[in-house]
Amino acid sequence: MKKKTVFGLITSVAAAAFLFTGVSKANADTTLTVGASPTPHAKILEHVKPELKKEGIDLKIKKYDDYIIPNKALANKEIDANYFQHTPFLNN
């Protein structure tokens, strides 16, 4: 079950990255900066990073230890996306 969940998260992040950037291999390299909590989100992004690089996306991961600062960074366009919410939070 845990492997299935991690695979689903990785797939979701990769799909979101492609949708948000609209990048194809023919385009110039694009940098995508994502703010994430160190565990597990940043670790998951580290696994996705090589696959995104193959698609021309340079993934930069900024780690945050709180849940307010990444939202502010996103609002201020300091990062392109944030990735730290968990399922119970999203279900509320």
PDB file of N, CA and C in Angstrom:
ATOM      1  N   MET A   1       0.823  -1.190   0.000  1.00  0.00           N
ATOM      2  CA  MET A   1       0.000   0.000   0.000  1.00  0.00           C
ATOM      3  C   MET A   1       0.867   1.254   0.000  1.00  0.00           C
ATOM      4  N   LYS A   2       1.940   1.245   0.800  1.00  0.00           N
ATOM      5  CA  LYS A   2       2.804   2.420   0.897  1.00  0.00           C
ATOM      6  C   LYS A   2       3.471   2.715  -0.446  1.00  0.00           C
ATOM      7  N   LYS A   3       3.936   1.673  -1.143  1.00  0.00           N
ATOM      8  CA  LYS A   3       4.566   1.869  -2.447  1.00  0.00           C
ATOM      9  C   LYS A   3       3.565   2.451  -3.438  1.00  0.00           C
ATOM     10  N   LYS A   4       2.334   1.988  -3.366  1.00  0.00           N
ATOM     11  CA  LYS A   4       1.293   2.477  -4.266  1.00  0.00           C
ATOM     12  C   LYS A   4       1.021   3.958  -4.009  1.00  0.00           C
ATOM     13  N   THR A   5       0.988   4.356  -2.752  1.00  0.00           N
ATOM     14  CA  THR A   5       0.752   5.754  -2.393  1.00  0.00           C
ATOM     15  C   THR A   5       1.899   6.633  -2.864  1.00  0.00           C
ATOM     16  N   VAL A   6       3.133   6.204  -2.636  1.00  0.00           N
ATOM     17  CA  VAL A   6       4.299   6.985  -3.055  1.00  0.00           C
ATOM     18  C   VAL A   6       4.319   7.109  -4.574  1.00  0.00           C
ATOM     19  N   PHE A   7       4.056   6.018  -5.282  1.00  0.00           N
ATOM     20  CA  PHE A   7       4.022   6.065  -6.741  1.00  0.00           C
ATOM     21  C   PHE A   7       2.943   7.028  -7.220  1.00  0.00           C
ATOM     22  N   GLY A   8       1.790   7.002  -6.576  1.00  0.00           N
ATOM     23  CA  GLY A   8       0.704   7.917  -6.938  1.00  0.00           C
ATOM     24  C   GLY A   8       1.096   9.367  -6.723  1.00  0.00           C
ATOM     25  N   LEU A   9       1.771   9.646  -5.625  1.00  0.00           N
ATOM     26  CA  LEU A   9       2.226  11.012  -5.345  1.00  0.00           C
ATOM     27  C   LEU A   9       3.253  11.472  -6.371  1.00  0.00           C
ATOM     28  N   ILE A  10       4.192  10.601  -6.690  1.00  0.00           N
ATOM     29  CA  ILE A  10       5.216  10.954  -7.674  1.00  0.00           C
ATOM     30  C   ILE A  10       4.575  11.217  -9.029  1.00  0.00           C
ATOM     31  N   THR A  11       3.658  10.363  -9.423  1.00  0.00           N
ATOM     32  CA  THR A  11       2.966  10.547 -10.690  1.00  0.00           C
ATOM     33  C   THR A  11       2.186  11.850 -10.705  1.00  0.00           C
ATOM     34  N   SER A  12       1.530  12.160  -9.610  1.00  0.00           N
ATOM     35  CA  SER A  12       0.754  13.402  -9.526  1.00  0.00           C
ATOM     36  C   SER A  12       1.642  14.631  -9.641  1.00  0.00           C
ATOM     37  N   VAL A  13       2.768  14.611  -8.960  1.00  0.00           N
ATOM     38  CA  VAL A  13       3.685  15.755  -9.012  1.00  0.00           C
ATOM     39  C   VAL A  13       4.235  15.930 -10.423  1.00  0.00           C
ATOM     40  N   ALA A  14       4.630  14.828 -11.044  1.00  0.00           N
ATOM     41  CA  ALA A  14       5.166  14.919 -12.403  1.00  0.00           C
ATOM     42  C   ALA A  14       4.114  15.454 -13.368  1.00  0.00           C
ATOM     43  N   ALA A  15       2.891  14.951 -13.256  1.00  0.00           N
ATOM     44  CA  ALA A  15       1.811  15.424 -14.130  1.00  0.00           C
ATOM     45  C   ALA A  15       1.530  16.901 -13.900  1.00  0.00           C
ATOM     46  N   ALA A  16       1.508  17.313 -12.655  1.00  0.00           N
ATOM     47  CA  ALA A  16       1.259  18.728 -12.346  1.00  0.00           C
ATOM     48  C   ALA A  16       2.369  19.607 -12.913  1.00  0.00           C
ATOM     49  N   ALA A  17       3.590  19.145 -12.804  1.00  0.00           N
ATOM     50  CA  ALA A  17       4.707  19.933 -13.332  1.00  0.00           C
ATOM     51  C   ALA A  17       4.564  20.139 -14.833  1.00  0.00           C
ATOM     52  N   PHE A  18       4.175  19.091 -15.542  1.00  0.00           N
ATOM     53  CA  PHE A  18       4.001  19.223 -16.984  1.00  0.00           C
ATOM     54  C   PHE A  18       2.827  20.132 -17.323  1.00  0.00           C
ATOM     55  N   LEU A  19       1.747  20.017 -16.583  1.00  0.00           N
ATOM     56  CA  LEU A  19       0.579  20.857 -16.843  1.00  0.00           C
ATOM     57  C   LEU A  19       0.852  22.320 -16.542  1.00  0.00           C
ATOM     58  N   PHE A  20       1.521  22.591 -15.422  1.00  0.00           N
ATOM     59  CA  PHE A  20       1.757  23.976 -15.023  1.00  0.00           C
ATOM     60  C   PHE A  20       2.773  24.679 -15.908  1.00  0.00           C
ATOM     61  N   THR A  21       3.720  23.953 -16.448  1.00  0.00           N
ATOM     62  CA  THR A  21       4.765  24.610 -17.224  1.00  0.00           C
ATOM     63  C   THR A  21       4.515  24.559 -18.721  1.00  0.00           C
ATOM     64  N   GLY A  22       3.737  23.594 -19.187  1.00  0.00           N
ATOM     65  CA  GLY A  22       3.483  23.482 -20.619  1.00  0.00           C
ATOM     66  C   GLY A  22       4.755  23.250 -21.414  1.00  0.00           C
ATOM     67  N   VAL A  23       5.657  22.476 -20.868  1.00  0.00           N
ATOM     68  CA  VAL A  23       6.963  22.267 -21.485  1.00  0.00           C
ATOM     69  C   VAL A  23       6.970  20.975 -22.283  1.00  0.00           C
ATOM     70  N   SER A  24       7.636  21.021 -23.429  1.00  0.00           N
ATOM     71  CA  SER A  24       7.899  19.795 -24.173  1.00  0.00           C
ATOM     72  C   SER A  24       9.403  19.689 -24.368  1.00  0.00           C
ATOM     73  N   LYS A  25       9.873  18.553 -24.842  1.00  0.00           N
ATOM     74  CA  LYS A  25      11.309  18.367 -25.036  1.00  0.00           C
ATOM     75  C   LYS A  25      11.872  19.358 -26.051  1.00  0.00           C
ATOM     76  N   ALA A  26      11.053  19.808 -26.983  1.00  0.00           N
ATOM     77  CA  ALA A  26      11.519  20.720 -28.016  1.00  0.00           C
ATOM     78  C   ALA A  26      11.766  22.129 -27.477  1.00  0.00           C
ATOM     79  N   ASN A  27      11.145  22.484 -26.372  1.00  0.00           N
ATOM     80  CA  ASN A  27      11.307  23.821 -25.798  1.00  0.00           C
ATOM     81  C   ASN A  27      12.617  23.924 -25.029  1.00  0.00           C
ATOM     82  N   ALA A  28      13.035  25.164 -24.781  1.00  0.00           N
ATOM     83  CA  ALA A  28      14.230  25.390 -23.965  1.00  0.00           C
ATOM     84  C   ALA A  28      13.973  24.900 -22.546  1.00  0.00           C
ATOM     85  N   ASP A  29      15.059  24.613 -21.842  1.00  0.00           N
ATOM     86  CA  ASP A  29      14.914  24.165 -20.457  1.00  0.00           C
ATOM     87  C   ASP A  29      14.143  25.185 -19.632  1.00  0.00           C
ATOM     88  N   THR A  30      13.312  24.686 -18.760  1.00  0.00           N
ATOM     89  CA  THR A  30      12.495  25.512 -17.885  1.00  0.00           C
ATOM     90  C   THR A  30      12.833  25.161 -16.448  1.00  0.00           C
ATOM     91  N   THR A  31      12.861  26.170 -15.595  1.00  0.00           N
ATOM     92  CA  THR A  31      13.083  25.943 -14.175  1.00  0.00           C
ATOM     93  C   THR A  31      11.748  26.009 -13.457  1.00  0.00           C
ATOM     94  N   LEU A  32      11.476  25.011 -12.640  1.00  0.00           N
ATOM     95  CA  LEU A  32      10.272  24.947 -11.821  1.00  0.00           C
ATOM     96  C   LEU A  32      10.729  24.920 -10.367  1.00  0.00           C
ATOM     97  N   THR A  33      10.356  25.943  -9.610  1.00  0.00           N
ATOM     98  CA  THR A  33      10.741  26.030  -8.203  1.00  0.00           C
ATOM     99  C   THR A  33       9.542  25.667  -7.346  1.00  0.00           C
ATOM    100  N   VAL A  34       9.709  24.629  -6.529  1.00  0.00           N
ATOM    101  CA  VAL A  34       8.617  24.126  -5.698  1.00  0.00           C
ATOM    102  C   VAL A  34       9.028  24.210  -4.231  1.00  0.00           C
ATOM    103  N   GLY A  35       8.166  24.793  -3.417  1.00  0.00           N
ATOM    104  CA  GLY A  35       8.367  24.819  -1.979  1.00  0.00           C
ATOM    105  C   GLY A  35       7.727  23.589  -1.367  1.00  0.00           C
ATOM    106  N   ALA A  36       8.450  22.900  -0.504  1.00  0.00           N
ATOM    107  CA  ALA A  36       7.944  21.649   0.052  1.00  0.00           C
ATOM    108  C   ALA A  36       8.414  21.462   1.488  1.00  0.00           C
ATOM    109  N   SER A  37       7.634  20.682   2.232  1.00  0.00           N
ATOM    110  CA  SER A  37       8.088  20.274   3.558  1.00  0.00           C
ATOM    111  C   SER A  37       9.196  19.236   3.356  1.00  0.00           C
ATOM    112  N   PRO A  38      10.188  19.210   4.249  1.00  0.00           N
ATOM    113  CA  PRO A  38      11.332  18.316   4.051  1.00  0.00           C
ATOM    114  C   PRO A  38      10.955  16.839   3.909  1.00  0.00           C
ATOM    115  N   THR A  39      10.035  16.386   4.766  1.00  0.00           N
ATOM    116  CA  THR A  39       9.632  14.982   4.738  1.00  0.00           C
ATOM    117  C   THR A  39       8.124  14.895   4.784  1.00  0.00           C
ATOM    118  N   PRO A  40       7.492  14.178   3.925  1.00  0.00           N
ATOM    119  CA  PRO A  40       8.022  13.362   2.839  1.00  0.00           C
ATOM    120  C   PRO A  40       8.094  14.098   1.510  1.00  0.00           C
ATOM    121  N   HIS A  41       7.512  15.286   1.430  1.00  0.00           N
ATOM    122  CA  HIS A  41       7.304  15.940   0.140  1.00  0.00           C
ATOM    123  C   HIS A  41       8.595  16.256  -0.615  1.00  0.00           C
ATOM    124  N   ALA A  42       9.581  16.855   0.028  1.00  0.00           N
ATOM    125  CA  ALA A  42      10.839  17.162  -0.659  1.00  0.00           C
ATOM    126  C   ALA A  42      11.548  15.879  -1.091  1.00  0.00           C
ATOM    127  N   LYS A  43      11.453  14.839  -0.266  1.00  0.00           N
ATOM    128  CA  LYS A  43      12.068  13.557  -0.634  1.00  0.00           C
ATOM    129  C   LYS A  43      11.394  12.966  -1.870  1.00  0.00           C
ATOM    130  N   ILE A  44      10.089  13.095  -1.960  1.00  0.00           N
ATOM    131  CA  ILE A  44       9.361  12.609  -3.138  1.00  0.00           C
ATOM    132  C   ILE A  44       9.797  13.397  -4.369  1.00  0.00           C
ATOM    133  N   LEU A  45       9.901  14.711  -4.225  1.00  0.00           N
ATOM    134  CA  LEU A  45      10.328  15.543  -5.350  1.00  0.00           C
ATOM    135  C   LEU A  45      11.735  15.187  -5.812  1.00  0.00           C
ATOM    136  N   GLU A  46      12.611  14.818  -4.882  1.00  0.00           N
ATOM    137  CA  GLU A  46      13.969  14.407  -5.260  1.00  0.00           C
ATOM    138  C   GLU A  46      13.934  13.181  -6.176  1.00  0.00           C
ATOM    139  N   HIS A  47      12.969  12.290  -5.955  1.00  0.00           N
ATOM    140  CA  HIS A  47      12.840  11.105  -6.810  1.00  0.00           C
ATOM    141  C   HIS A  47      12.317  11.469  -8.195  1.00  0.00           C
ATOM    142  N   VAL A  48      11.512  12.504  -8.286  1.00  0.00           N
ATOM    143  CA  VAL A  48      10.919  12.928  -9.553  1.00  0.00           C
ATOM    144  C   VAL A  48      11.898  13.772 -10.373  1.00  0.00           C
ATOM    145  N   LYS A  49      12.803  14.429  -9.705  1.00  0.00           N
ATOM    146  CA  LYS A  49      13.717  15.390 -10.329  1.00  0.00           C
ATOM    147  C   LYS A  49      14.441  14.852 -11.575  1.00  0.00           C
ATOM    148  N   PRO A  50      15.021  13.650 -11.554  1.00  0.00           N
ATOM    149  CA  PRO A  50      15.705  13.148 -12.755  1.00  0.00           C
ATOM    150  C   PRO A  50      14.761  12.941 -13.944  1.00  0.00           C
ATOM    151  N   GLU A  51      13.543  12.515 -13.671  1.00  0.00           N
ATOM    152  CA  GLU A  51      12.574  12.321 -14.753  1.00  0.00           C
ATOM    153  C   GLU A  51      12.173  13.653 -15.377  1.00  0.00           C
ATOM    154  N   LEU A  52      12.004  14.659 -14.545  1.00  0.00           N
ATOM    155  CA  LEU A  52      11.662  15.981 -15.059  1.00  0.00           C
ATOM    156  C   LEU A  52      12.812  16.554 -15.881  1.00  0.00           C
ATOM    157  N   LYS A  53      14.042  16.298 -15.448  1.00  0.00           N
ATOM    158  CA  LYS A  53      15.216  16.786 -16.178  1.00  0.00           C
ATOM    159  C   LYS A  53      15.229  16.224 -17.599  1.00  0.00           C
ATOM    160  N   LYS A  54      14.832  14.962 -17.753  1.00  0.00           N
ATOM    161  CA  LYS A  54      14.761  14.343 -19.080  1.00  0.00           C
ATOM    162  C   LYS A  54      13.765  15.069 -19.979  1.00  0.00           C
ATOM    163  N   GLU A  55      12.770  15.692 -19.370  1.00  0.00           N
ATOM    164  CA  GLU A  55      11.736  16.415 -20.115  1.00  0.00           C
ATOM    165  C   GLU A  55      12.054  17.905 -20.258  1.00  0.00           C
ATOM    166  N   GLY A  56      13.239  18.300 -19.836  1.00  0.00           N
ATOM    167  CA  GLY A  56      13.650  19.687 -19.984  1.00  0.00           C
ATOM    168  C   GLY A  56      13.240  20.595 -18.842  1.00  0.00           C
ATOM    169  N   ILE A  57      12.895  20.004 -17.696  1.00  0.00           N
ATOM    170  CA  ILE A  57      12.481  20.795 -16.537  1.00  0.00           C
ATOM    171  C   ILE A  57      13.542  20.673 -15.450  1.00  0.00           C
ATOM    172  N   ASP A  58      14.094  21.810 -15.064  1.00  0.00           N
ATOM    173  CA  ASP A  58      15.066  21.854 -13.973  1.00  0.00           C
ATOM    174  C   ASP A  58      14.292  22.133 -12.690  1.00  0.00           C
ATOM    175  N   LEU A  59      14.124  21.120 -11.860  1.00  0.00           N
ATOM    176  CA  LEU A  59      13.346  21.241 -10.625  1.00  0.00           C
ATOM    177  C   LEU A  59      14.223  21.757  -9.496  1.00  0.00           C
ATOM    178  N   LYS A  60      13.836  22.892  -8.944  1.00  0.00           N
ATOM    179  CA  LYS A  60      14.492  23.455  -7.764  1.00  0.00           C
ATOM    180  C   LYS A  60      13.550  23.240  -6.587  1.00  0.00           C
ATOM    181  N   ILE A  61      14.067  22.681  -5.509  1.00  0.00           N
ATOM    182  CA  ILE A  61      13.246  22.376  -4.337  1.00  0.00           C
ATOM    183  C   ILE A  61      13.679  23.277  -3.185  1.00  0.00           C
ATOM    184  N   LYS A  62      12.733  24.067  -2.676  1.00  0.00           N
ATOM    185  CA  LYS A  62      12.984  24.904  -1.496  1.00  0.00           C
ATOM    186  C   LYS A  62      12.250  24.262  -0.331  1.00  0.00           C
ATOM    187  N   LYS A  63      12.984  23.936   0.715  1.00  0.00           N
ATOM    188  CA  LYS A  63      12.391  23.265   1.870  1.00  0.00           C
ATOM    189  C   LYS A  63      11.933  24.288   2.905  1.00  0.00           C
ATOM    190  N   TYR A  64      10.724  24.068   3.409  1.00  0.00           N
ATOM    191  CA  TYR A  64      10.142  24.935   4.437  1.00  0.00           C
ATOM    192  C   TYR A  64       9.709  24.078   5.616  1.00  0.00           C
ATOM    193  N   ASP A  65       9.942  24.584   6.817  1.00  0.00           N
ATOM    194  CA  ASP A  65       9.558  23.864   8.028  1.00  0.00           C
ATOM    195  C   ASP A  65       8.242  24.354   8.613  1.00  0.00           C
ATOM    196  N   ASP A  66       7.581  25.270   7.923  1.00  0.00           N
ATOM    197  CA  ASP A  66       6.268  25.696   8.400  1.00  0.00           C
ATOM    198  C   ASP A  66       5.309  25.784   7.219  1.00  0.00           C
ATOM    199  N   TYR A  67       4.042  25.966   7.506  1.00  0.00           N
ATOM    200  CA  TYR A  67       3.027  25.908   6.457  1.00  0.00           C
ATOM    201  C   TYR A  67       2.556  27.277   5.995  1.00  0.00           C
ATOM    202  N   ILE A  68       3.008  28.342   6.603  1.00  0.00           N
ATOM    203  CA  ILE A  68       2.579  29.678   6.210  1.00  0.00           C
ATOM    204  C   ILE A  68       3.551  30.285   5.197  1.00  0.00           C
ATOM    205  N   ILE A  69       4.833  30.135   5.446  1.00  0.00           N
ATOM    206  CA  ILE A  69       5.842  30.754   4.585  1.00  0.00           C
ATOM    207  C   ILE A  69       5.754  30.274   3.132  1.00  0.00           C
ATOM    208  N   PRO A  70       5.562  28.971   2.856  1.00  0.00           N
ATOM    209  CA  PRO A  70       5.481  28.583   1.441  1.00  0.00           C
ATOM    210  C   PRO A  70       4.264  29.175   0.733  1.00  0.00           C
ATOM    211  N   ASN A  71       3.165  29.353   1.451  1.00  0.00           N
ATOM    212  CA  ASN A  71       2.001  29.986   0.832  1.00  0.00           C
ATOM    213  C   ASN A  71       2.294  31.448   0.509  1.00  0.00           C
ATOM    214  N   LYS A  72       2.993  32.134   1.415  1.00  0.00           N
ATOM    215  CA  LYS A  72       3.373  33.530   1.159  1.00  0.00           C
ATOM    216  C   LYS A  72       4.360  33.608  -0.003  1.00  0.00           C
ATOM    217  N   ALA A  73       5.317  32.691  -0.046  1.00  0.00           N
ATOM    218  CA  ALA A  73       6.295  32.669  -1.136  1.00  0.00           C
ATOM    219  C   ALA A  73       5.605  32.448  -2.480  1.00  0.00           C
ATOM    220  N   LEU A  74       4.599  31.593  -2.497  1.00  0.00           N
ATOM    221  CA  LEU A  74       3.844  31.353  -3.725  1.00  0.00           C
ATOM    222  C   LEU A  74       3.073  32.606  -4.129  1.00  0.00           C
ATOM    223  N   ALA A  75       2.421  33.252  -3.174  1.00  0.00           N
ATOM    224  CA  ALA A  75       1.664  34.474  -3.454  1.00  0.00           C
ATOM    225  C   ALA A  75       2.579  35.592  -3.957  1.00  0.00           C
ATOM    226  N   ASN A  76       3.817  35.623  -3.460  1.00  0.00           N
ATOM    227  CA  ASN A  76       4.789  36.644  -3.873  1.00  0.00           C
ATOM    228  C   ASN A  76       5.582  36.240  -5.112  1.00  0.00           C
ATOM    229  N   LYS A  77       5.217  35.109  -5.712  1.00  0.00           N
ATOM    230  CA  LYS A  77       5.872  34.583  -6.917  1.00  0.00           C
ATOM    231  C   LYS A  77       7.358  34.285  -6.709  1.00  0.00           C
ATOM    232  N   GLU A  78       7.715  33.942  -5.477  1.00  0.00           N
ATOM    233  CA  GLU A  78       9.086  33.533  -5.180  1.00  0.00           C
ATOM    234  C   GLU A  78       9.295  32.063  -5.542  1.00  0.00           C
ATOM    235  N   ILE A  79       8.212  31.298  -5.573  1.00  0.00           N
ATOM    236  CA  ILE A  79       8.227  29.901  -6.001  1.00  0.00           C
ATOM    237  C   ILE A  79       7.080  29.711  -6.987  1.00  0.00           C
ATOM    238  N   ASP A  80       7.146  28.640  -7.780  1.00  0.00           N
ATOM    239  CA  ASP A  80       6.119  28.378  -8.789  1.00  0.00           C
ATOM    240  C   ASP A  80       4.972  27.529  -8.260  1.00  0.00           C
ATOM    241  N   ALA A  81       5.250  26.728  -7.247  1.00  0.00           N
ATOM    242  CA  ALA A  81       4.228  25.841  -6.679  1.00  0.00           C
ATOM    243  C   ALA A  81       4.654  25.473  -5.264  1.00  0.00           C
ATOM    244  N   ASN A  82       3.690  25.003  -4.476  1.00  0.00           N
ATOM    245  CA  ASN A  82       4.060  24.456  -3.177  1.00  0.00           C
ATOM    246  C   ASN A  82       3.487  23.054  -3.063  1.00  0.00           C
ATOM    247  N   TYR A  83       4.129  22.258  -2.227  1.00  0.00           N
ATOM    248  CA  TYR A  83       3.769  20.850  -2.101  1.00  0.00           C
ATOM    249  C   TYR A  83       4.043  20.432  -0.666  1.00  0.00           C
ATOM    250  N   PHE A  84       3.013  20.554   0.169  1.00  0.00           N
ATOM    251  CA  PHE A  84       3.187  20.164   1.565  1.00  0.00           C
ATOM    252  C   PHE A  84       1.886  19.710   2.200  1.00  0.00           C
ATOM    253  N   GLN A  85       0.769  19.933   1.547  1.00  0.00           N
ATOM    254  CA  GLN A  85      -0.509  19.567   2.137  1.00  0.00           C
ATOM    255  C   GLN A  85      -0.655  18.041   2.186  1.00  0.00           C
ATOM    256  N   HIS A  86      -1.389  17.577   3.171  1.00  0.00           N
ATOM    257  CA  HIS A  86      -1.639  16.147   3.304  1.00  0.00           C
ATOM    258  C   HIS A  86      -3.125  15.891   3.059  1.00  0.00           C
ATOM    259  N   THR A  87      -3.471  14.648   2.846  1.00  0.00           N
ATOM    260  CA  THR A  87      -4.839  14.277   2.484  1.00  0.00           C
ATOM    261  C   THR A  87      -5.877  14.749   3.494  1.00  0.00           C
ATOM    262  N   PRO A  88      -5.701  14.562   4.803  1.00  0.00           N
ATOM    263  CA  PRO A  88      -6.726  15.061   5.737  1.00  0.00           C
ATOM    264  C   PRO A  88      -6.958  16.569   5.611  1.00  0.00           C
ATOM    265  N   PHE A  89      -5.896  17.339   5.391  1.00  0.00           N
ATOM    266  CA  PHE A  89      -6.049  18.783   5.210  1.00  0.00           C
ATOM    267  C   PHE A  89      -6.853  19.080   3.950  1.00  0.00           C
ATOM    268  N   LEU A  90      -6.526  18.401   2.861  1.00  0.00           N
ATOM    269  CA  LEU A  90      -7.211  18.650   1.595  1.00  0.00           C
ATOM    270  C   LEU A  90      -8.665  18.195   1.625  1.00  0.00           C
ATOM    271  N   ASN A  91      -8.983  17.230   2.476  1.00  0.00           N
ATOM    272  CA  ASN A  91     -10.363  16.748   2.577  1.00  0.00           C
ATOM    273  C   ASN A  91     -11.256  17.690   3.368  1.00  0.00           C
ATOM    274  N   ASN A  92     -10.692  18.644   4.096  1.00  0.00           N
ATOM    275  CA  ASN A  92     -11.491  19.604   4.876  1.00  0.00           C
ATOM    276  C   ASN A  92     -11.963  20.742   4.028  1.00  0.00           C
TER     277      ASN A  92
END
